[in-house]
């Protein structure tokens, strides 16, 4: 049985301590798409918009980060586009992959 749709934001179970919520704006396998931005007070929205790039307007102001593979709507497979809000970049920590 596939997904039946997206429950209202009021029914979501989110940790009160979480700072962000990550979601897929358009899940094409089961055909579930957010028709509007899920506005969650006190949480930064991060969205995979792979299926939405250039297919409809995206209000970037509602998000901390939007990202996605571009192979569906913009360019060749293996490429991605990421848009990050300035305040999140300024708080980023440098990570050395040599130490991982």
Protein backbone atom coordinates (compact mmCIF):
# COMPACT_ATOMS: atom_id res chain seq x y z
CA UNK A 1 0.00 0.00 0.00
CA UNK A 2 1.41 3.39 -0.98
CA UNK A 3 1.35 6.69 0.82
CA UNK A 4 -2.06 8.25 1.17
CA UNK A 5 -0.93 11.85 1.21
CA UNK A 6 0.69 14.31 3.55
CA UNK A 7 -0.84 14.70 7.00
CA UNK A 8 -1.41 18.25 8.25
CA UNK A 9 1.63 19.84 9.91
CA UNK A 10 -0.26 19.82 13.23
CA UNK A 11 -0.16 16.00 13.16
CA UNK A 12 3.59 15.70 12.60
CA UNK A 13 5.66 14.33 15.46
CA UNK A 14 8.76 16.50 15.68
CA UNK A 15 11.32 16.74 18.42
CA UNK A 16 10.83 20.01 20.28
CA UNK A 17 14.64 20.36 20.40
CA UNK A 18 15.16 19.98 16.64
CA UNK A 19 16.43 23.03 14.84
CA UNK A 20 15.56 21.95 11.31
CA UNK A 21 13.20 19.75 9.31
CA UNK A 22 14.30 18.03 6.10
CA UNK A 23 11.69 16.86 3.61
CA UNK A 24 11.29 15.87 -0.03
CA UNK A 25 9.06 18.44 -1.73
CA UNK A 26 7.90 16.06 -4.48
CA UNK A 27 8.21 12.30 -4.02
CA UNK A 28 7.59 11.05 -7.54
CA UNK A 29 7.51 7.27 -6.96
CA UNK A 30 4.28 7.36 -4.93
CA UNK A 31 3.16 10.68 -6.37
CA UNK A 32 3.16 12.68 -3.13
CA UNK A 33 3.87 16.39 -3.50
CA UNK A 34 3.74 19.28 -1.07
CA UNK A 35 1.37 21.83 -2.63
CA UNK A 36 2.54 24.53 -0.19
CA UNK A 37 5.53 25.08 2.07
CA UNK A 38 5.17 23.43 5.50
CA UNK A 39 5.77 26.43 7.74
CA UNK A 40 7.05 25.32 11.13
CA UNK A 41 7.72 28.04 13.67
CA UNK A 42 11.20 27.85 15.15
CA UNK A 43 12.44 25.25 12.65
CA UNK A 44 14.62 25.79 9.61
CA UNK A 45 13.22 24.09 6.52
CA UNK A 46 15.56 22.07 4.32
CA UNK A 47 14.08 20.59 1.16
CA UNK A 48 15.10 18.18 -1.56
CA UNK A 49 13.55 19.87 -4.58
CA UNK A 50 15.03 17.61 -7.27
CA UNK A 51 11.66 17.18 -8.96
CA UNK A 52 10.64 20.82 -8.55
CA UNK A 53 13.60 22.71 -10.03
CA UNK A 54 12.27 24.87 -12.89
CA UNK A 55 8.87 23.16 -12.77
CA UNK A 56 7.18 25.68 -10.47
CA UNK A 57 8.11 28.71 -8.37
CA UNK A 58 9.86 28.00 -5.07
CA UNK A 59 9.74 30.66 -2.36
CA UNK A 60 13.40 30.45 -1.34
CA UNK A 61 12.78 32.87 1.57
CA UNK A 62 10.92 30.07 3.42
CA UNK A 63 13.98 27.79 3.47
CA UNK A 64 17.39 27.53 5.06
CA UNK A 65 18.59 25.16 2.35
CA UNK A 66 17.14 23.80 -0.87
CA UNK A 67 19.06 21.16 -2.78
CA UNK A 68 18.60 18.53 -5.39
CA UNK A 69 19.94 16.52 -8.24
CA UNK A 70 19.49 18.41 -11.48
CA UNK A 71 19.16 15.42 -13.83
CA UNK A 72 15.37 15.67 -14.00
CA UNK A 73 14.91 19.31 -14.99
CA UNK A 74 18.15 21.24 -15.38
CA UNK A 75 21.21 19.28 -16.45
CA UNK A 76 23.13 16.01 -16.62
CA UNK A 77 23.09 13.24 -14.03
CA UNK A 78 25.62 13.55 -11.25
CA UNK A 79 25.22 17.29 -10.80
CA UNK A 80 23.42 19.04 -7.96
CA UNK A 81 22.28 22.54 -7.11
CA UNK A 82 22.35 23.81 -3.51
CA UNK A 83 21.04 27.14 -2.26
CA UNK A 84 22.01 28.00 1.33
CA UNK A 85 20.80 30.96 3.36
CA UNK A 86 23.67 33.30 4.36
CA UNK A 87 23.14 32.99 8.11
CA UNK A 88 23.59 29.21 7.90
CA UNK A 89 26.86 29.59 5.99
CA UNK A 90 28.20 32.00 8.58
CA UNK A 91 27.63 29.40 11.32
CA UNK A 92 29.19 26.51 9.39
CA UNK A 93 32.11 24.67 10.92
CA UNK A 94 35.10 23.63 8.87
CA UNK A 95 35.54 19.87 8.78
CA UNK A 96 38.75 18.26 7.69
CA UNK A 97 38.04 15.06 5.82
CA UNK A 98 41.54 13.91 6.72
CA UNK A 99 40.42 13.62 10.34
CA UNK A 100 37.29 11.57 9.57
